[in-house]
Amino acid sequence: MSDVRRCTVCGRTLRDPASRARGTGPVCARKLRKLCKKARRQLLPVADVPAGPYL
């Protein structure tokens, strides 16, 4: 694990050792988790993807 001094998302200084190990501050980490959760919900299941001429 690297010891990052600034948030890789917003660039703010990281003070907490856990945040430094993660590379993001708590606010940015929360926002990233929400974005990932939203993206997973929007993905279609494989059975619902229409078959094209190349499949």
PDB file of N, CA and C in Angstrom:
ATOM      1  N   MET A   1       0.846  -1.192   0.000  1.00  0.00           N
ATOM      2  CA  MET A   1       0.000   0.000   0.000  1.00  0.00           C
ATOM      3  C   MET A   1       0.883   1.243   0.000  1.00  0.00           C
ATOM      4  N   SER A   2       0.458   2.214  -0.744  1.00  0.00           N
ATOM      5  CA  SER A   2       1.231   3.453  -0.787  1.00  0.00           C
ATOM      6  C   SER A   2       0.683   4.446   0.227  1.00  0.00           C
ATOM      7  N   ASP A   3       1.513   5.356   0.626  1.00  0.00           N
ATOM      8  CA  ASP A   3       1.121   6.386   1.576  1.00  0.00           C
ATOM      9  C   ASP A   3       0.892   7.685   0.805  1.00  0.00           C
ATOM     10  N   VAL A   4      -0.318   7.871   0.294  1.00  0.00           N
ATOM     11  CA  VAL A   4      -0.662   9.032  -0.523  1.00  0.00           C
ATOM     12  C   VAL A   4      -0.966  10.206   0.398  1.00  0.00           C
ATOM     13  N   ARG A   5      -0.410  11.353   0.092  1.00  0.00           N
ATOM     14  CA  ARG A   5      -0.600  12.541   0.940  1.00  0.00           C
ATOM     15  C   ARG A   5      -1.798  13.388   0.515  1.00  0.00           C
ATOM     16  N   ARG A   6      -2.229  13.247  -0.739  1.00  0.00           N
ATOM     17  CA  ARG A   6      -3.360  14.023  -1.243  1.00  0.00           C
ATOM     18  C   ARG A   6      -4.404  13.087  -1.828  1.00  0.00           C
ATOM     19  N   CYS A   7      -5.659  13.498  -1.743  1.00  0.00           N
ATOM     20  CA  CYS A   7      -6.761  12.716  -2.285  1.00  0.00           C
ATOM     21  C   CYS A   7      -6.593  12.609  -3.801  1.00  0.00           C
ATOM     22  N   THR A   8      -6.722  11.401  -4.320  1.00  0.00           N
ATOM     23  CA  THR A   8      -6.551  11.197  -5.751  1.00  0.00           C
ATOM     24  C   THR A   8      -7.751  11.697  -6.552  1.00  0.00           C
ATOM     25  N   VAL A   9      -8.855  12.030  -5.878  1.00  0.00           N
ATOM     26  CA  VAL A   9     -10.045  12.535  -6.563  1.00  0.00           C
ATOM     27  C   VAL A   9     -10.063  14.061  -6.578  1.00  0.00           C
ATOM     28  N   CYS A  10      -9.936  14.677  -5.400  1.00  0.00           N
ATOM     29  CA  CYS A  10     -10.087  16.133  -5.319  1.00  0.00           C
ATOM     30  C   CYS A  10      -8.792  16.884  -5.025  1.00  0.00           C
ATOM     31  N   GLY A  11      -7.759  16.188  -4.563  1.00  0.00           N
ATOM     32  CA  GLY A  11      -6.483  16.835  -4.315  1.00  0.00           C
ATOM     33  C   GLY A  11      -6.297  17.417  -2.927  1.00  0.00           C
ATOM     34  N   ARG A  12      -7.276  17.259  -2.048  1.00  0.00           N
ATOM     35  CA  ARG A  12      -7.131  17.779  -0.684  1.00  0.00           C
ATOM     36  C   ARG A  12      -6.099  16.967   0.095  1.00  0.00           C
ATOM     37  N   THR A  13      -5.509  17.590   1.103  1.00  0.00           N
ATOM     38  CA  THR A  13      -4.536  16.923   1.953  1.00  0.00           C
ATOM     39  C   THR A  13      -5.232  15.875   2.811  1.00  0.00           C
ATOM     40  N   LEU A  14      -4.662  14.665   2.857  1.00  0.00           N
ATOM     41  CA  LEU A  14      -5.214  13.583   3.667  1.00  0.00           C
ATOM     42  C   LEU A  14      -4.493  13.541   5.002  1.00  0.00           C
ATOM     43  N   ARG A  15      -5.251  13.541   6.092  1.00  0.00           N
ATOM     44  CA  ARG A  15      -4.659  13.548   7.430  1.00  0.00           C
ATOM     45  C   ARG A  15      -4.784  12.199   8.129  1.00  0.00           C
ATOM     46  N   ASP A  16      -5.855  11.486   7.866  1.00  0.00           N
ATOM     47  CA  ASP A  16      -6.132  10.212   8.522  1.00  0.00           C
ATOM     48  C   ASP A  16      -5.307   9.095   7.884  1.00  0.00           C
ATOM     49  N   PRO A  17      -4.666   8.239   8.685  1.00  0.00           N
ATOM     50  CA  PRO A  17      -3.869   7.142   8.120  1.00  0.00           C
ATOM     51  C   PRO A  17      -4.677   6.199   7.229  1.00  0.00           C
ATOM     52  N   ALA A  18      -5.936   5.947   7.575  1.00  0.00           N
ATOM     53  CA  ALA A  18      -6.780   5.068   6.744  1.00  0.00           C
ATOM     54  C   ALA A  18      -7.056   5.721   5.393  1.00  0.00           C
ATOM     55  N   SER A  19      -7.292   7.024   5.394  1.00  0.00           N
ATOM     56  CA  SER A  19      -7.525   7.739   4.139  1.00  0.00           C
ATOM     57  C   SER A  19      -6.271   7.743   3.278  1.00  0.00           C
ATOM     58  N   ARG A  20      -5.120   7.907   3.907  1.00  0.00           N
ATOM     59  CA  ARG A  20      -3.858   7.875   3.163  1.00  0.00           C
ATOM     60  C   ARG A  20      -3.632   6.510   2.521  1.00  0.00           C
ATOM     61  N   ALA A  21      -3.941   5.458   3.263  1.00  0.00           N
ATOM     62  CA  ALA A  21      -3.769   4.115   2.718  1.00  0.00           C
ATOM     63  C   ALA A  21      -4.737   3.863   1.562  1.00  0.00           C
ATOM     64  N   ARG A  22      -5.962   4.403   1.661  1.00  0.00           N
ATOM     65  CA  ARG A  22      -6.977   4.236   0.627  1.00  0.00           C
ATOM     66  C   ARG A  22      -6.700   5.135  -0.577  1.00  0.00           C
ATOM     67  N   GLY A  23      -6.140   6.309  -0.316  1.00  0.00           N
ATOM     68  CA  GLY A  23      -5.840   7.250  -1.396  1.00  0.00           C
ATOM     69  C   GLY A  23      -6.939   8.255  -1.663  1.00  0.00           C
ATOM     70  N   THR A  24      -8.035   8.166  -0.896  1.00  0.00           N
ATOM     71  CA  THR A  24      -9.136   9.126  -1.022  1.00  0.00           C
ATOM     72  C   THR A  24      -9.625   9.518   0.359  1.00  0.00           C
ATOM     73  N   GLY A  25     -10.157  10.713   0.448  1.00  0.00           N
ATOM     74  CA  GLY A  25     -10.736  11.169   1.699  1.00  0.00           C
ATOM     75  C   GLY A  25     -12.092  10.525   1.920  1.00  0.00           C
ATOM     76  N   PRO A  26     -12.668  10.705   3.105  1.00  0.00           N
ATOM     77  CA  PRO A  26     -13.940  10.052   3.416  1.00  0.00           C
ATOM     78  C   PRO A  26     -15.099  10.532   2.544  1.00  0.00           C
ATOM     79  N   VAL A  27     -15.135  11.806   2.217  1.00  0.00           N
ATOM     80  CA  VAL A  27     -16.223  12.341   1.388  1.00  0.00           C
ATOM     81  C   VAL A  27     -16.121  11.801  -0.039  1.00  0.00           C
ATOM     82  N   CYS A  28     -14.942  11.824  -0.615  1.00  0.00           N
ATOM     83  CA  CYS A  28     -14.754  11.316  -1.976  1.00  0.00           C
ATOM     84  C   CYS A  28     -14.992   9.812  -2.038  1.00  0.00           C
ATOM     85  N   ALA A  29     -14.579   9.077  -1.018  1.00  0.00           N
ATOM     86  CA  ALA A  29     -14.799   7.633  -0.983  1.00  0.00           C
ATOM     87  C   ALA A  29     -16.300   7.339  -0.963  1.00  0.00           C
ATOM     88  N   ARG A  30     -17.054   8.108  -0.188  1.00  0.00           N
ATOM     89  CA  ARG A  30     -18.505   7.928  -0.119  1.00  0.00           C
ATOM     90  C   ARG A  30     -19.144   8.207  -1.474  1.00  0.00           C
ATOM     91  N   LYS A  31     -18.713   9.286  -2.126  1.00  0.00           N
ATOM     92  CA  LYS A  31     -19.260   9.629  -3.443  1.00  0.00           C
ATOM     93  C   LYS A  31     -18.930   8.546  -4.473  1.00  0.00           C
ATOM     94  N   LEU A  32     -17.720   8.007  -4.429  1.00  0.00           N
ATOM     95  CA  LEU A  32     -17.334   6.953  -5.366  1.00  0.00           C
ATOM     96  C   LEU A  32     -18.156   5.686  -5.145  1.00  0.00           C
ATOM     97  N   ARG A  33     -18.412   5.349  -3.881  1.00  0.00           N
ATOM     98  CA  ARG A  33     -19.239   4.171  -3.592  1.00  0.00           C
ATOM     99  C   ARG A  33     -20.642   4.352  -4.152  1.00  0.00           C
ATOM    100  N   LYS A  34     -21.207   5.559  -4.005  1.00  0.00           N
ATOM    101  CA  LYS A  34     -22.549   5.829  -4.540  1.00  0.00           C
ATOM    102  C   LYS A  34     -22.559   5.722  -6.057  1.00  0.00           C
ATOM    103  N   LEU A  35     -21.542   6.258  -6.712  1.00  0.00           N
ATOM    104  CA  LEU A  35     -21.472   6.185  -8.171  1.00  0.00           C
ATOM    105  C   LEU A  35     -21.365   4.744  -8.653  1.00  0.00           C
ATOM    106  N   CYS A  36     -20.552   3.945  -7.979  1.00  0.00           N
ATOM    107  CA  CYS A  36     -20.401   2.540  -8.367  1.00  0.00           C
ATOM    108  C   CYS A  36     -21.705   1.783  -8.171  1.00  0.00           C
ATOM    109  N   LYS A  37     -22.383   2.062  -7.060  1.00  0.00           N
ATOM    110  CA  LYS A  37     -23.653   1.394  -6.791  1.00  0.00           C
ATOM    111  C   LYS A  37     -24.686   1.760  -7.862  1.00  0.00           C
ATOM    112  N   LYS A  38     -24.737   3.030  -8.234  1.00  0.00           N
ATOM    113  CA  LYS A  38     -25.671   3.495  -9.252  1.00  0.00           C
ATOM    114  C   LYS A  38     -25.342   2.862 -10.612  1.00  0.00           C
ATOM    115  N   ALA A  39     -24.073   2.778 -10.948  1.00  0.00           N
ATOM    116  CA  ALA A  39     -23.665   2.192 -12.229  1.00  0.00           C
ATOM    117  C   ALA A  39     -24.028   0.712 -12.279  1.00  0.00           C
ATOM    118  N   ARG A  40     -23.863  -0.011 -11.171  1.00  0.00           N
ATOM    119  CA  ARG A  40     -24.211  -1.434 -11.140  1.00  0.00           C
ATOM    120  C   ARG A  40     -25.701  -1.636 -11.340  1.00  0.00           C
ATOM    121  N   ARG A  41     -26.525  -0.730 -10.775  1.00  0.00           N
ATOM    122  CA  ARG A  41     -27.973  -0.846 -10.929  1.00  0.00           C
ATOM    123  C   ARG A  41     -28.404  -0.603 -12.367  1.00  0.00           C
ATOM    124  N   GLN A  42     -27.669   0.232 -13.099  1.00  0.00           N
ATOM    125  CA  GLN A  42     -28.059   0.591 -14.459  1.00  0.00           C
ATOM    126  C   GLN A  42     -27.616  -0.435 -15.497  1.00  0.00           C
ATOM    127  N   LEU A  43     -26.738  -1.352 -15.123  1.00  0.00           N
ATOM    128  CA  LEU A  43     -26.282  -2.358 -16.070  1.00  0.00           C
ATOM    129  C   LEU A  43     -27.398  -3.361 -16.349  1.00  0.00           C
ATOM    130  N   LEU A  44     -27.518  -3.755 -17.601  1.00  0.00           N
ATOM    131  CA  LEU A  44     -28.519  -4.741 -17.976  1.00  0.00           C
ATOM    132  C   LEU A  44     -28.001  -6.147 -17.677  1.00  0.00           C
ATOM    133  N   PRO A  45     -28.874  -7.040 -17.220  1.00  0.00           N
ATOM    134  CA  PRO A  45     -28.459  -8.439 -17.109  1.00  0.00           C
ATOM    135  C   PRO A  45     -28.136  -8.982 -18.500  1.00  0.00           C
ATOM    136  N   VAL A  46     -27.264  -9.947 -18.574  1.00  0.00           N
ATOM    137  CA  VAL A  46     -26.817 -10.485 -19.862  1.00  0.00           C
ATOM    138  C   VAL A  46     -27.986 -11.027 -20.674  1.00  0.00           C
ATOM    139  N   ALA A  47     -28.991 -11.623 -20.037  1.00  0.00           N
ATOM    140  CA  ALA A  47     -30.119 -12.185 -20.764  1.00  0.00           C
ATOM    141  C   ALA A  47     -30.959 -11.112 -21.439  1.00  0.00           C
ATOM    142  N   ASP A  48     -30.910  -9.871 -20.975  1.00  0.00           N
ATOM    143  CA  ASP A  48     -31.721  -8.792 -21.538  1.00  0.00           C
ATOM    144  C   ASP A  48     -31.030  -8.039 -22.671  1.00  0.00           C
ATOM    145  N   VAL A  49     -29.788  -8.363 -22.952  1.00  0.00           N
ATOM    146  CA  VAL A  49     -29.063  -7.673 -24.018  1.00  0.00           C
ATOM    147  C   VAL A  49     -29.487  -8.275 -25.352  1.00  0.00           C
ATOM    148  N   PRO A  50     -29.978  -7.441 -26.286  1.00  0.00           N
ATOM    149  CA  PRO A  50     -30.424  -7.977 -27.563  1.00  0.00           C
ATOM    150  C   PRO A  50     -29.247  -8.536 -28.360  1.00  0.00           C
ATOM    151  N   ALA A  51     -29.476  -9.657 -28.997  1.00  0.00           N
ATOM    152  CA  ALA A  51     -28.433 -10.293 -29.799  1.00  0.00           C
ATOM    153  C   ALA A  51     -28.287  -9.538 -31.117  1.00  0.00           C
ATOM    154  N   GLY A  52     -27.078  -9.170 -31.436  1.00  0.00           N
ATOM    155  CA  GLY A  52     -26.803  -8.470 -32.688  1.00  0.00           C
ATOM    156  C   GLY A  52     -26.278  -9.422 -33.743  1.00  0.00           C
ATOM    157  N   PRO A  53     -25.965  -8.912 -34.907  1.00  0.00           N
ATOM    158  CA  PRO A  53     -25.490  -9.776 -35.980  1.00  0.00           C
ATOM    159  C   PRO A  53     -24.102 -10.387 -35.696  1.00  0.00           C
ATOM    160  N   TYR A  54     -23.381  -9.829 -34.720  1.00  0.00           N
ATOM    161  CA  TYR A  54     -22.034 -10.307 -34.447  1.00  0.00           C
ATOM    162  C   TYR A  54     -21.982 -11.287 -33.289  1.00  0.00           C
ATOM    163  N   LEU A  55     -23.116 -11.589 -32.695  1.00  0.00           N
ATOM    164  CA  LEU A  55     -23.124 -12.522 -31.552  1.00  0.00           C
ATOM    165  C   LEU A  55     -23.469 -13.916 -31.967  1.00  0.00           C
TER     166      LEU A  55
END
